[in-house]
């Protein structure tokens, strides 16, 4: 962030030392800057983007859903991988980050709320425990997920934990910048999908709709 981009109220707060969280600031007012506060969220977004899907993946997903509206989740992902591999000439395997994007963002938001509360009450002495966050989010927001995936709940929790740890910073940045509208170019994507539809090719435009966080801004209780 350049000096010109720093808001005036932050300049004033910084004059007398390190910026401290104010009572009037909630997690919805802040952005993830790492455990130590040294991470630049703009750099991560510039490198990875606001959404994990590429434009190609969104278009392919829309085409697959257009041809097979009732396709199951795992079958949709497999067709997406096959189609992408055929176009770009590579072999894709495993469950991609696109698969659990919404879940990971919800986990990130809950994690950030607890991180914010711990910074208020305990300074830098305590860290957020990830396992209870993952369990809470899945049990309350995705209670039937393990049945849909045909996977033991405990194994599901561990899977989401591993994915979150692997890309923790970018997931948290995406979640805390969820209300930033300077993001993935949805209007251009919709125009592309509309153009394909006008050619009488079955396509599902819902694939281009941004998935929003629930963002319940009530600060979570500490573990």
Protein backbone atom coordinates (compact mmCIF):
# COMPACT_ATOMS: atom_id res chain seq x y z
CA UNK A 1 0.00 0.00 0.00
CA UNK A 2 1.41 3.43 -0.96
CA UNK A 3 1.51 6.36 1.48
CA UNK A 4 -1.15 8.16 -0.57
CA UNK A 5 -3.50 5.20 -0.12
CA UNK A 6 -3.34 5.25 3.70
CA UNK A 7 -6.58 6.71 5.16
CA UNK A 8 -6.14 9.86 7.23
CA UNK A 9 -7.62 8.31 10.38
CA UNK A 10 -4.95 5.60 10.28
CA UNK A 11 -2.22 8.23 9.90
CA UNK A 12 -3.47 9.97 13.03
CA UNK A 13 -3.67 6.71 14.98
CA UNK A 14 -0.11 5.79 13.96
CA UNK A 15 1.55 9.00 15.15
CA UNK A 16 1.79 7.90 18.78
CA UNK A 17 2.99 4.35 18.20
CA UNK A 18 1.65 1.00 16.92
CA UNK A 19 -1.98 0.96 15.92
CA UNK A 20 -4.16 -0.82 18.45
CA UNK A 21 -7.58 -2.29 17.84
CA UNK A 22 -10.20 0.25 18.85
CA UNK A 23 -13.37 -0.67 20.70
CA UNK A 24 -15.41 0.58 17.75
CA UNK A 25 -13.58 -1.70 15.31
CA UNK A 26 -15.07 -5.11 14.60
CA UNK A 27 -13.77 -7.92 12.38
CA UNK A 28 -15.98 -6.61 9.57
CA UNK A 29 -13.88 -3.41 9.56
CA UNK A 30 -10.51 -5.15 9.28
CA UNK A 31 -8.53 -7.20 6.77
CA UNK A 32 -6.26 -10.17 7.45
CA UNK A 33 -2.60 -9.08 7.56
CA UNK A 34 -1.14 -12.30 8.95
CA UNK A 35 -0.54 -13.59 12.46
CA UNK A 36 2.18 -10.96 12.95
CA UNK A 37 0.46 -8.15 11.06
CA UNK A 38 3.21 -7.98 8.42
CA UNK A 39 1.39 -9.55 5.46
CA UNK A 40 0.29 -7.33 2.55
CA UNK A 41 -3.20 -8.49 1.44
CA UNK A 42 -2.99 -6.54 -1.80
CA UNK A 43 0.10 -8.47 -2.86
CA UNK A 44 -1.64 -11.80 -2.23
CA UNK A 45 -4.73 -10.74 -4.18
CA UNK A 46 -2.56 -9.51 -7.06
CA UNK A 47 -0.87 -12.92 -7.18
CA UNK A 48 -3.82 -15.26 -6.57
CA UNK A 49 -6.99 -13.24 -7.33
CA UNK A 50 -10.22 -12.86 -5.37
CA UNK A 51 -11.63 -16.20 -6.47
CA UNK A 52 -9.86 -19.56 -6.98
CA UNK A 53 -11.59 -20.30 -10.29
CA UNK A 54 -10.08 -19.08 -13.53
CA UNK A 55 -12.33 -17.64 -16.24
CA UNK A 56 -11.90 -20.90 -18.16
CA UNK A 57 -13.09 -22.95 -15.19
CA UNK A 58 -16.20 -20.78 -14.72
CA UNK A 59 -17.17 -21.10 -18.39
CA UNK A 60 -16.57 -24.87 -18.40
CA UNK A 61 -18.57 -25.34 -15.20
CA UNK A 62 -21.44 -23.34 -16.70
CA UNK A 63 -21.37 -25.53 -19.83
CA UNK A 64 -21.32 -28.77 -17.86
CA UNK A 65 -24.24 -27.65 -15.68
CA UNK A 66 -26.10 -26.45 -18.76
CA UNK A 67 -25.87 -29.88 -20.38
CA UNK A 68 -26.48 -31.79 -17.13
CA UNK A 69 -28.57 -29.65 -14.73
CA UNK A 70 -28.98 -32.46 -12.19
CA UNK A 71 -25.37 -33.58 -12.17
CA UNK A 72 -23.98 -34.51 -8.76
CA UNK A 73 -21.18 -32.50 -7.22
CA UNK A 74 -18.36 -35.02 -7.62
CA UNK A 75 -19.37 -35.82 -11.20
CA UNK A 76 -19.42 -32.10 -12.02
CA UNK A 77 -15.88 -31.70 -10.71
CA UNK A 78 -14.66 -34.71 -12.67
CA UNK A 79 -16.14 -33.41 -15.92
CA UNK A 80 -14.64 -29.99 -15.21
CA UNK A 81 -11.20 -31.55 -14.76
CA UNK A 82 -11.57 -33.67 -17.90
CA UNK A 83 -12.71 -30.72 -20.01
CA UNK A 84 -9.94 -28.46 -18.71
CA UNK A 85 -7.32 -31.14 -19.27
CA UNK A 86 -8.52 -31.58 -22.84
CA UNK A 87 -8.24 -27.87 -23.54
CA UNK A 88 -4.93 -27.01 -21.88
CA UNK A 89 -3.33 -30.42 -22.45
CA UNK A 90 -2.58 -31.37 -18.86
CA UNK A 91 -3.70 -34.17 -16.59
CA UNK A 92 -5.54 -33.00 -13.48
CA UNK A 93 -6.06 -35.10 -10.38
CA UNK A 94 -7.31 -34.76 -6.82
CA UNK A 95 -9.92 -32.43 -5.35
CA UNK A 96 -9.08 -28.87 -6.35
CA UNK A 97 -9.42 -25.78 -4.15
CA UNK A 98 -12.50 -24.81 -6.20
CA UNK A 99 -14.28 -27.76 -4.59
CA UNK A 100 -14.37 -26.42 -1.03
CA UNK A 101 -13.99 -22.69 -1.67
CA UNK A 102 -17.23 -21.66 0.03
CA UNK A 103 -16.57 -23.83 3.09
CA UNK A 104 -13.01 -22.57 3.43
CA UNK A 105 -14.14 -18.94 3.26
CA UNK A 106 -16.73 -19.54 5.99
CA UNK A 107 -14.04 -21.21 8.11
CA UNK A 108 -11.77 -18.24 7.45
CA UNK A 109 -14.41 -15.74 8.54
CA UNK A 110 -15.11 -17.61 11.77
CA UNK A 111 -11.34 -17.95 12.36
CA UNK A 112 -10.88 -14.21 11.82
CA UNK A 113 -13.65 -13.31 14.26
CA UNK A 114 -12.01 -15.44 16.94
CA UNK A 115 -8.57 -14.04 16.05
CA UNK A 116 -9.96 -10.51 16.47
CA UNK A 117 -11.52 -11.35 19.85
CA UNK A 118 -8.30 -12.95 21.15
CA UNK A 119 -6.28 -9.90 20.13
CA UNK A 120 -8.64 -7.75 22.18
CA UNK A 121 -8.60 -9.93 25.28
CA UNK A 122 -5.22 -11.65 25.22
CA UNK A 123 -2.98 -9.57 22.98
CA UNK A 124 -0.60 -11.80 21.04
CA UNK A 125 -0.34 -14.48 23.69
CA UNK A 126 -2.92 -16.89 22.32
CA UNK A 127 -3.62 -18.38 18.91
CA UNK A 128 -6.92 -19.47 17.45
CA UNK A 129 -7.51 -23.23 17.59
CA UNK A 130 -8.43 -24.30 14.08
CA UNK A 131 -10.07 -27.67 14.76
CA UNK A 132 -13.02 -26.28 16.78
CA UNK A 133 -13.57 -23.60 14.12
CA UNK A 134 -13.79 -26.16 11.31
CA UNK A 135 -16.10 -28.40 13.31
CA UNK A 136 -18.39 -25.51 14.26
CA UNK A 137 -18.71 -24.19 10.70
CA UNK A 138 -19.43 -27.58 9.14
CA UNK A 139 -21.87 -28.68 11.86
CA UNK A 140 -23.87 -25.43 11.75
CA UNK A 141 -23.69 -24.45 8.07
CA UNK A 142 -23.00 -27.70 6.19
CA UNK A 143 -24.50 -30.42 8.43
CA UNK A 144 -25.20 -32.91 5.61
CA UNK A 145 -21.90 -32.43 3.82
CA UNK A 146 -20.32 -35.66 5.01
CA UNK A 147 -23.28 -37.63 3.64
CA UNK A 148 -23.06 -35.90 0.26
CA UNK A 149 -19.34 -36.63 0.11
CA UNK A 150 -19.78 -40.15 1.50
CA UNK A 151 -17.03 -39.50 4.02
CA UNK A 152 -16.72 -39.94 7.77
CA UNK A 153 -17.34 -36.58 9.57
CA UNK A 154 -14.00 -36.73 11.38
CA UNK A 155 -12.15 -37.29 8.13
CA UNK A 156 -14.07 -34.39 6.58
CA UNK A 157 -12.99 -32.07 9.40
CA UNK A 158 -9.36 -33.10 8.92
CA UNK A 159 -9.59 -32.62 5.14
CA UNK A 160 -10.88 -29.06 5.52
CA UNK A 161 -8.25 -28.33 8.17
CA UNK A 162 -5.47 -29.46 5.82
CA UNK A 163 -6.81 -27.35 2.96
CA UNK A 164 -7.15 -24.31 5.20
CA UNK A 165 -3.62 -24.64 6.57
CA UNK A 166 -2.18 -25.07 3.07
CA UNK A 167 -3.55 -21.74 1.78
CA UNK A 168 -4.39 -20.02 5.06
CA UNK A 169 -3.32 -16.47 4.24
CA UNK A 170 -4.96 -16.14 0.82
CA UNK A 171 -8.19 -17.74 2.08
CA UNK A 172 -8.32 -15.31 5.01
CA UNK A 173 -7.57 -12.34 2.74
CA UNK A 174 -10.36 -13.39 0.35
CA UNK A 175 -12.79 -13.81 3.24
CA UNK A 176 -12.01 -10.49 4.91
CA UNK A 177 -12.12 -8.64 1.58
CA UNK A 178 -15.41 -10.34 0.66
CA UNK A 179 -17.24 -6.98 0.50
CA UNK A 180 -14.67 -5.43 -1.84
CA UNK A 181 -16.41 -5.08 -5.19
CA UNK A 182 -13.16 -4.40 -7.07
CA UNK A 183 -12.82 -8.09 -7.71
CA UNK A 184 -13.36 -10.93 -10.18
CA UNK A 185 -14.91 -9.45 -13.36
CA UNK A 186 -18.41 -10.87 -13.19
CA UNK A 187 -20.01 -8.56 -15.81
CA UNK A 188 -17.54 -9.75 -18.46
CA UNK A 189 -18.13 -13.35 -17.43
CA UNK A 190 -21.90 -12.98 -17.70
CA UNK A 191 -21.57 -11.45 -21.17
CA UNK A 192 -19.48 -14.40 -22.30
CA UNK A 193 -22.04 -16.86 -20.94
CA UNK A 194 -24.90 -14.92 -22.56
CA UNK A 195 -23.07 -15.00 -25.91
CA UNK A 196 -22.72 -18.77 -25.66
CA UNK A 197 -26.42 -19.11 -24.76
CA UNK A 198 -27.37 -17.08 -27.85
CA UNK A 199 -25.67 -19.76 -29.94
CA UNK A 200 -28.29 -22.20 -28.57
CA UNK A 201 -25.62 -24.01 -26.54
CA UNK A 202 -26.96 -25.22 -23.16
CA UNK A 203 -25.20 -23.25 -20.42
CA UNK A 204 -26.01 -22.43 -16.77
CA UNK A 205 -25.31 -18.79 -15.94
CA UNK A 206 -25.48 -19.37 -12.19
CA UNK A 207 -21.89 -20.62 -12.32
CA UNK A 208 -20.70 -17.02 -12.72
CA UNK A 209 -22.46 -15.69 -9.61
CA UNK A 210 -20.09 -14.66 -6.81
CA UNK A 211 -20.54 -16.77 -3.70
CA UNK A 212 -20.92 -14.44 -0.73
CA UNK A 213 -20.01 -15.11 2.86
CA UNK A 214 -22.77 -15.25 5.47
CA UNK A 215 -20.67 -12.78 7.55
CA UNK A 216 -22.50 -12.96 10.84
CA UNK A 217 -20.68 -10.06 12.48
CA UNK A 218 -21.43 -11.12 16.05
CA UNK A 219 -17.99 -11.77 17.54
CA UNK A 220 -17.55 -15.42 18.45
CA UNK A 221 -16.89 -16.53 22.01
CA UNK A 222 -13.45 -17.77 22.86
CA UNK A 223 -12.78 -21.51 23.10
